[in-house]
C-alpha atoms as a PDB file:
ATOM      1  CA  UNK A   1     -28.455  50.049   9.958  1.00  0.00           C
ATOM      2  CA  UNK A   2     -30.392  49.672  13.176  1.00  0.00           C
ATOM      3  CA  UNK A   3     -28.715  50.018  16.539  1.00  0.00           C
ATOM      4  CA  UNK A   4     -28.073  46.931  18.597  1.00  0.00           C
ATOM      5  CA  UNK A   5     -30.343  46.367  21.624  1.00  0.00           C
ATOM      6  CA  UNK A   6     -27.532  47.241  24.050  1.00  0.00           C
ATOM      7  CA  UNK A   7     -26.780  50.490  22.238  1.00  0.00           C
ATOM      8  CA  UNK A   8     -30.445  51.419  22.007  1.00  0.00           C
ATOM      9  CA  UNK A   9     -31.242  50.889  25.673  1.00  0.00           C
ATOM     10  CA  UNK A  10     -28.117  52.468  27.206  1.00  0.00           C
ATOM     11  CA  UNK A  11     -29.241  56.126  26.886  1.00  0.00           C
ATOM     12  CA  UNK A  12     -32.625  55.282  28.390  1.00  0.00           C
ATOM     13  CA  UNK A  13     -31.024  53.526  31.339  1.00  0.00           C
ATOM     14  CA  UNK A  14     -28.616  56.416  31.847  1.00  0.00           C
ATOM     15  CA  UNK A  15     -31.492  58.888  31.686  1.00  0.00           C
ATOM     16  CA  UNK A  16     -33.474  56.958  34.275  1.00  0.00           C
ATOM     17  CA  UNK A  17     -30.449  56.794  36.575  1.00  0.00           C
ATOM     18  CA  UNK A  18     -29.855  60.536  36.225  1.00  0.00           C
ATOM     19  CA  UNK A  19     -33.537  61.314  36.864  1.00  0.00           C
ATOM     20  CA  UNK A  20     -33.680  59.040  39.917  1.00  0.00           C
ATOM     21  CA  UNK A  21     -30.465  60.526  41.277  1.00  0.00           C
ATOM     22  CA  UNK A  22     -31.767  64.066  40.791  1.00  0.00           C
ATOM     23  CA  UNK A  23     -35.087  63.377  42.503  1.00  0.00           C
ATOM     24  CA  UNK A  24     -33.379  61.546  45.370  1.00  0.00           C
ATOM     25  CA  UNK A  25     -30.839  64.351  45.892  1.00  0.00           C
ATOM     26  CA  UNK A  26     -33.552  67.008  45.926  1.00  0.00           C
ATOM     27  CA  UNK A  27     -35.850  65.038  48.241  1.00  0.00           C
ATOM     28  CA  UNK A  28     -32.982  64.191  50.572  1.00  0.00           C
ATOM     29  CA  UNK A  29     -31.905  67.814  50.659  1.00  0.00           C
ATOM     30  CA  UNK A  30     -35.400  69.015  51.528  1.00  0.00           C
ATOM     31  CA  UNK A  31     -35.691  66.446  54.320  1.00  0.00           C
ATOM     32  CA  UNK A  32     -32.294  67.411  55.745  1.00  0.00           C
ATOM     33  CA  UNK A  33     -33.227  71.071  55.544  1.00  0.00           C
ATOM     34  CA  UNK A  34     -36.312  70.437  57.663  1.00  0.00           C
ATOM     35  CA  UNK A  35     -34.259  68.391  60.128  1.00  0.00           C
ATOM     36  CA  UNK A  36     -31.626  71.112  60.511  1.00  0.00           C
ATOM     37  CA  UNK A  37     -34.343  73.651  61.224  1.00  0.00           C
ATOM     38  CA  UNK A  38     -35.781  71.360  63.884  1.00  0.00           C
ATOM     39  CA  UNK A  39     -32.320  70.660  65.302  1.00  0.00           C
ATOM     40  CA  UNK A  40     -31.829  74.353  66.001  1.00  0.00           C
ATOM     41  CA  UNK A  41     -34.573  74.029  68.564  1.00  0.00           C
ATOM     42  CA  UNK A  42     -33.230  70.770  69.955  1.00  0.00           C
ATOM     43  CA  UNK A  43     -29.546  71.652  70.431  1.00  0.00           C
ATOM     44  CA  UNK A  44     -28.696  73.741  73.505  1.00  0.00           C
ATOM     45  CA  UNK A  45     -27.113  77.189  73.486  1.00  0.00           C
ATOM     46  CA  UNK A  46     -24.574  78.070  70.834  1.00  0.00           C
ATOM     47  CA  UNK A  47     -24.467  74.417  69.727  1.00  0.00           C
ATOM     48  CA  UNK A  48     -27.570  75.078  67.638  1.00  0.00           C
ATOM     49  CA  UNK A  49     -25.276  76.929  65.231  1.00  0.00           C
ATOM     50  CA  UNK A  50     -23.953  73.540  64.111  1.00  0.00           C
ATOM     51  CA  UNK A  51     -27.358  72.637  62.663  1.00  0.00           C
ATOM     52  CA  UNK A  52     -27.326  75.790  60.579  1.00  0.00           C
ATOM     53  CA  UNK A  53     -23.721  75.326  59.487  1.00  0.00           C
ATOM     54  CA  UNK A  54     -22.742  75.715  55.856  1.00  0.00           C
ATOM     55  CA  UNK A  55     -20.059  73.071  56.400  1.00  0.00           C
ATOM     56  CA  UNK A  56     -22.607  70.546  57.672  1.00  0.00           C
ATOM     57  CA  UNK A  57     -24.867  71.379  54.746  1.00  0.00           C
ATOM     58  CA  UNK A  58     -21.980  70.782  52.334  1.00  0.00           C
ATOM     59  CA  UNK A  59     -21.848  67.154  53.440  1.00  0.00           C
ATOM     60  CA  UNK A  60     -25.156  66.563  51.627  1.00  0.00           C
ATOM     61  CA  UNK A  61     -23.749  67.612  48.255  1.00  0.00           C
ATOM     62  CA  UNK A  62     -20.497  65.738  48.885  1.00  0.00           C
ATOM     63  CA  UNK A  63     -22.418  62.586  49.789  1.00  0.00           C
ATOM     64  CA  UNK A  64     -24.634  62.915  46.712  1.00  0.00           C
ATOM     65  CA  UNK A  65     -21.586  63.128  44.460  1.00  0.00           C
ATOM     66  CA  UNK A  66     -19.835  60.260  46.247  1.00  0.00           C
ATOM     67  CA  UNK A  67     -22.845  57.947  46.049  1.00  0.00           C
ATOM     68  CA  UNK A  68     -23.265  58.612  42.324  1.00  0.00           C
ATOM     69  CA  UNK A  69     -19.572  58.578  41.403  1.00  0.00           C
ATOM     70  CA  UNK A  70     -19.657  55.241  39.589  1.00  0.00           C
ATOM     71  CA  UNK A  71     -23.216  55.438  38.321  1.00  0.00           C
ATOM     72  CA  UNK A  72     -23.473  58.742  36.449  1.00  0.00           C
ATOM     73  CA  UNK A  73     -21.193  61.244  34.752  1.00  0.00           C
ATOM     74  CA  UNK A  74     -19.364  64.035  36.559  1.00  0.00           C
ATOM     75  CA  UNK A  75     -21.858  66.694  35.347  1.00  0.00           C
ATOM     76  CA  UNK A  76     -24.675  64.563  36.770  1.00  0.00           C
ATOM     77  CA  UNK A  77     -22.869  64.409  40.125  1.00  0.00           C
ATOM     78  CA  UNK A  78     -22.549  68.206  40.029  1.00  0.00           C
ATOM     79  CA  UNK A  79     -26.281  68.539  39.338  1.00  0.00           C
ATOM     80  CA  UNK A  80     -27.067  66.162  42.191  1.00  0.00           C
ATOM     81  CA  UNK A  81     -24.933  68.282  44.500  1.00  0.00           C
ATOM     82  CA  UNK A  82     -26.742  71.405  43.336  1.00  0.00           C
ATOM     83  CA  UNK A  83     -30.143  69.833  43.966  1.00  0.00           C
ATOM     84  CA  UNK A  84     -29.123  68.540  47.400  1.00  0.00           C
ATOM     85  CA  UNK A  85     -27.909  71.979  48.506  1.00  0.00           C
ATOM     86  CA  UNK A  86     -30.902  73.763  46.987  1.00  0.00           C
ATOM     87  CA  UNK A  87     -33.218  71.264  48.669  1.00  0.00           C
ATOM     88  CA  UNK A  88     -31.622  72.071  52.010  1.00  0.00           C
ATOM     89  CA  UNK A  89     -32.418  75.743  51.560  1.00  0.00           C
ATOM     90  CA  UNK A  90     -35.980  74.985  50.461  1.00  0.00           C
ATOM     91  CA  UNK A  91     -36.548  72.550  53.335  1.00  0.00           C
ATOM     92  CA  UNK A  92     -35.017  74.820  55.963  1.00  0.00           C
ATOM     93  CA  UNK A  93     -36.815  78.013  54.998  1.00  0.00           C
ATOM     94  CA  UNK A  94     -39.982  76.193  53.930  1.00  0.00           C
ATOM     95  CA  UNK A  95     -40.325  74.742  57.407  1.00  0.00           C
ATOM     96  CA  UNK A  96     -39.519  78.137  58.910  1.00  0.00           C
ATOM     97  CA  UNK A  97     -42.361  79.629  56.874  1.00  0.00           C
ATOM     98  CA  UNK A  98     -45.032  76.972  57.341  1.00  0.00           C
ATOM     99  CA  UNK A  99     -43.952  75.176  60.531  1.00  0.00           C
ATOM    100  CA  UNK A 100     -42.764  78.101  62.619  1.00  0.00           C
ATOM    101  CA  UNK A 101     -43.449  81.833  62.730  1.00  0.00           C
ATOM    102  CA  UNK A 102     -42.415  82.605  59.162  1.00  0.00           C
ATOM    103  CA  UNK A 103     -39.018  83.109  57.556  1.00  0.00           C
ATOM    104  CA  UNK A 104     -39.289  86.899  57.309  1.00  0.00           C
ATOM    105  CA  UNK A 105     -37.532  88.620  54.429  1.00  0.00           C
ATOM    106  CA  UNK A 106     -36.750  86.664  51.272  1.00  0.00           C
ATOM    107  CA  UNK A 107     -33.287  88.197  51.101  1.00  0.00           C
ATOM    108  CA  UNK A 108     -31.490  85.618  53.284  1.00  0.00           C
ATOM    109  CA  UNK A 109     -33.047  82.588  51.505  1.00  0.00           C
ATOM    110  CA  UNK A 110     -32.061  84.074  48.142  1.00  0.00           C
ATOM    111  CA  UNK A 111     -28.496  84.573  49.355  1.00  0.00           C
ATOM    112  CA  UNK A 112     -28.314  80.942  50.446  1.00  0.00           C
ATOM    113  CA  UNK A 113     -29.812  79.763  47.164  1.00  0.00           C
ATOM    114  CA  UNK A 114     -27.030  81.658  45.430  1.00  0.00           C
ATOM    115  CA  UNK A 115     -24.471  79.984  47.686  1.00  0.00           C
ATOM    116  CA  UNK A 116     -26.062  76.600  46.954  1.00  0.00           C
ATOM    117  CA  UNK A 117     -25.606  77.189  43.228  1.00  0.00           C
ATOM    118  CA  UNK A 118     -21.860  77.445  43.836  1.00  0.00           C
ATOM    119  CA  UNK A 119     -21.284  75.046  46.734  1.00  0.00           C
ATOM    120  CA  UNK A 120     -23.649  72.331  45.494  1.00  0.00           C
ATOM    121  CA  UNK A 121     -21.886  71.519  42.211  1.00  0.00           C
ATOM    122  CA  UNK A 122     -18.464  72.069  43.799  1.00  0.00           C
ATOM    123  CA  UNK A 123     -19.027  69.553  46.586  1.00  0.00           C
ATOM    124  CA  UNK A 124     -20.919  67.183  44.305  1.00  0.00           C
ATOM    125  CA  UNK A 125     -17.822  67.005  42.107  1.00  0.00           C
ATOM    126  CA  UNK A 126     -15.584  66.797  45.203  1.00  0.00           C
ATOM    127  CA  UNK A 127     -17.522  63.750  46.400  1.00  0.00           C
ATOM    128  CA  UNK A 128     -17.268  62.095  42.999  1.00  0.00           C
ATOM    129  CA  UNK A 129     -13.523  62.816  42.856  1.00  0.00           C
ATOM    130  CA  UNK A 130     -13.063  61.256  46.293  1.00  0.00           C
ATOM    131  CA  UNK A 131     -14.533  57.997  44.967  1.00  0.00           C
ATOM    132  CA  UNK A 132     -12.441  58.120  41.792  1.00  0.00           C
ATOM    133  CA  UNK A 133      -9.163  56.475  40.783  1.00  0.00           C
ATOM    134  CA  UNK A 134      -7.000  59.598  40.580  1.00  0.00           C
ATOM    135  CA  UNK A 135      -4.999  60.172  43.763  1.00  0.00           C
ATOM    136  CA  UNK A 136      -4.658  63.889  43.026  1.00  0.00           C
ATOM    137  CA  UNK A 137      -8.395  64.324  42.603  1.00  0.00           C
ATOM    138  CA  UNK A 138      -9.096  62.309  45.750  1.00  0.00           C
ATOM    139  CA  UNK A 139      -6.826  64.642  47.719  1.00  0.00           C
ATOM    140  CA  UNK A 140      -8.443  67.796  46.291  1.00  0.00           C
ATOM    141  CA  UNK A 141     -11.999  66.505  46.746  1.00  0.00           C
ATOM    142  CA  UNK A 142     -11.448  65.447  50.332  1.00  0.00           C
ATOM    143  CA  UNK A 143      -9.480  68.611  51.141  1.00  0.00           C
ATOM    144  CA  UNK A 144     -12.469  70.652  49.967  1.00  0.00           C
ATOM    145  CA  UNK A 145     -14.714  68.898  52.496  1.00  0.00           C
ATOM    146  CA  UNK A 146     -12.160  69.190  55.297  1.00  0.00           C
ATOM    147  CA  UNK A 147     -11.420  72.794  54.352  1.00  0.00           C
ATOM    148  CA  UNK A 148     -15.015  73.933  54.633  1.00  0.00           C
ATOM    149  CA  UNK A 149     -15.000  72.755  58.253  1.00  0.00           C
ATOM    150  CA  UNK A 150     -11.756  74.637  58.770  1.00  0.00           C
ATOM    151  CA  UNK A 151     -13.464  77.723  57.350  1.00  0.00           C
ATOM    152  CA  UNK A 152     -16.323  77.312  59.808  1.00  0.00           C
ATOM    153  CA  UNK A 153     -13.857  76.804  62.638  1.00  0.00           C
ATOM    154  CA  UNK A 154     -12.151  80.094  61.852  1.00  0.00           C
ATOM    155  CA  UNK A 155     -15.524  81.838  61.745  1.00  0.00           C
ATOM    156  CA  UNK A 156     -16.614  80.359  65.076  1.00  0.00           C
ATOM    157  CA  UNK A 157     -13.274  81.208  66.714  1.00  0.00           C
ATOM    158  CA  UNK A 158     -12.721  84.754  65.450  1.00  0.00           C
ATOM    159  CA  UNK A 159     -16.107  85.881  64.188  1.00  0.00           C
ATOM    160  CA  UNK A 160     -18.619  84.499  66.679  1.00  0.00           C
ATOM    161  CA  UNK A 161     -16.381  83.763  69.689  1.00  0.00           C
ATOM    162  CA  UNK A 162     -17.749  80.225  70.071  1.00  0.00           C
ATOM    163  CA  UNK A 163     -14.667  78.209  71.141  1.00  0.00           C
ATOM    164  CA  UNK A 164     -16.461  74.874  71.629  1.00  0.00           C
ATOM    165  CA  UNK A 165     -17.962  74.929  68.140  1.00  0.00           C
ATOM    166  CA  UNK A 166     -14.650  76.144  66.701  1.00  0.00           C
ATOM    167  CA  UNK A 167     -12.740  73.224  68.192  1.00  0.00           C
ATOM    168  CA  UNK A 168     -15.430  70.829  66.967  1.00  0.00           C
ATOM    169  CA  UNK A 169     -14.947  72.080  63.407  1.00  0.00           C
ATOM    170  CA  UNK A 170     -11.156  71.949  63.662  1.00  0.00           C
ATOM    171  CA  UNK A 171     -11.458  68.381  64.921  1.00  0.00           C
ATOM    172  CA  UNK A 172     -13.527  67.436  61.876  1.00  0.00           C
ATOM    173  CA  UNK A 173     -10.937  69.189  59.688  1.00  0.00           C
ATOM    174  CA  UNK A 174      -8.341  66.719  60.977  1.00  0.00           C
ATOM    175  CA  UNK A 175     -10.583  63.638  61.134  1.00  0.00           C
ATOM    176  CA  UNK A 176     -11.824  63.876  57.540  1.00  0.00           C
ATOM    177  CA  UNK A 177      -8.424  63.185  55.951  1.00  0.00           C
ATOM    178  CA  UNK A 178      -7.422  60.727  58.672  1.00  0.00           C
ATOM    179  CA  UNK A 179     -10.536  58.585  58.306  1.00  0.00           C
ATOM    180  CA  UNK A 180     -11.420  58.931  54.635  1.00  0.00           C
ATOM    181  CA  UNK A 181      -8.075  58.959  52.843  1.00  0.00           C
ATOM    182  CA  UNK A 182      -6.735  55.703  51.428  1.00  0.00           C
ATOM    183  CA  UNK A 183      -3.024  55.979  52.245  1.00  0.00           C
ATOM    184  CA  UNK A 184      -0.790  57.784  54.718  1.00  0.00           C
ATOM    185  CA  UNK A 185       0.570  59.929  51.890  1.00  0.00           C
ATOM    186  CA  UNK A 186      -2.938  60.985  50.879  1.00  0.00           C
ATOM    187  CA  UNK A 187      -3.782  61.772  54.507  1.00  0.00           C
ATOM    188  CA  UNK A 188      -0.810  64.097  54.814  1.00  0.00           C
ATOM    189  CA  UNK A 189      -1.419  65.766  51.441  1.00  0.00           C
ATOM    190  CA  UNK A 190      -5.132  66.199  52.132  1.00  0.00           C
ATOM    191  CA  UNK A 191      -4.520  67.843  55.486  1.00  0.00           C
ATOM    192  CA  UNK A 192      -1.827  70.122  54.060  1.00  0.00           C
ATOM    193  CA  UNK A 193      -4.152  71.098  51.202  1.00  0.00           C
ATOM    194  CA  UNK A 194      -7.142  71.634  53.494  1.00  0.00           C
ATOM    195  CA  UNK A 195      -5.346  74.217  55.633  1.00  0.00           C
ATOM    196  CA  UNK A 196      -4.909  76.873  52.909  1.00  0.00           C
ATOM    197  CA  UNK A 197      -8.357  75.935  51.564  1.00  0.00           C
ATOM    198  CA  UNK A 198      -9.789  76.822  54.979  1.00  0.00           C
ATOM    199  CA  UNK A 199      -8.221  80.264  55.100  1.00  0.00           C
ATOM    200  CA  UNK A 200      -9.020  81.039  51.466  1.00  0.00           C
ATOM    201  CA  UNK A 201     -12.653  79.966  51.885  1.00  0.00           C
ATOM    202  CA  UNK A 202     -13.001  82.051  55.052  1.00  0.00           C
ATOM    203  CA  UNK A 203     -11.662  85.165  53.339  1.00  0.00           C
ATOM    204  CA  UNK A 204     -13.848  84.725  50.262  1.00  0.00           C
ATOM    205  CA  UNK A 205     -17.061  83.248  51.664  1.00  0.00           C
ATOM    206  CA  UNK A 206     -17.338  85.095  54.972  1.00  0.00           C
ATOM    207  CA  UNK A 207     -15.299  88.248  54.588  1.00  0.00           C
ATOM    208  CA  UNK A 208     -16.161  89.094  50.974  1.00  0.00           C
ATOM    209  CA  UNK A 209     -19.646  87.592  50.581  1.00  0.00           C
ATOM    210  CA  UNK A 210     -21.683  86.648  53.643  1.00  0.00           C
ATOM    211  CA  UNK A 211     -20.584  89.330  56.095  1.00  0.00           C
ATOM    212  CA  UNK A 212     -21.319  92.249  53.726  1.00  0.00           C
ATOM    213  CA  UNK A 213     -24.607  90.688  52.624  1.00  0.00           C
ATOM    214  CA  UNK A 214     -25.996  89.272  55.884  1.00  0.00           C
ATOM    215  CA  UNK A 215     -24.000  91.165  58.506  1.00  0.00           C
END
């Protein structure tokens, strides 16, 4: 028995959507990576750290997952997040190599590629969850985005001694749940969830991983 036309064309359409999403996420990531490298030269003083912020970079994966939430499956959103984060690393260090004085050792880019392989899928899924119908998943997904800014705020405050940048990150930590949650209950739960996320991420990402590897 032959498949109906609708059944026969659905996988092809899904495959095209997945391929287009993957290419768009990668291209967008590369472009943003180049822009963040340029922004480090544009922003004054310690503010240029914001352009090279892991929290800011995580927005790309979150946005990729959110934009694709109702178009592709959750694994596809995770892949899009991975490609967006990887593209950021490629764009940032590619421009450093060919548009500036060179990126130096390959060690730092490889470390950030490794981080992208973890953060990309995580925030891609978080973005898709935020657009979903489950209130619990919306809270967790949005708390992940808010929490990564809290993590950066802790690092700026206690690690780098940059109070202005720290307060900027803490402000985003509060604004994300306030502006992007759907109900007052979700706002409160997201903020309460983001606070321990921030501390946990700081201890794991900075204290256990990045500081020993990059100094």
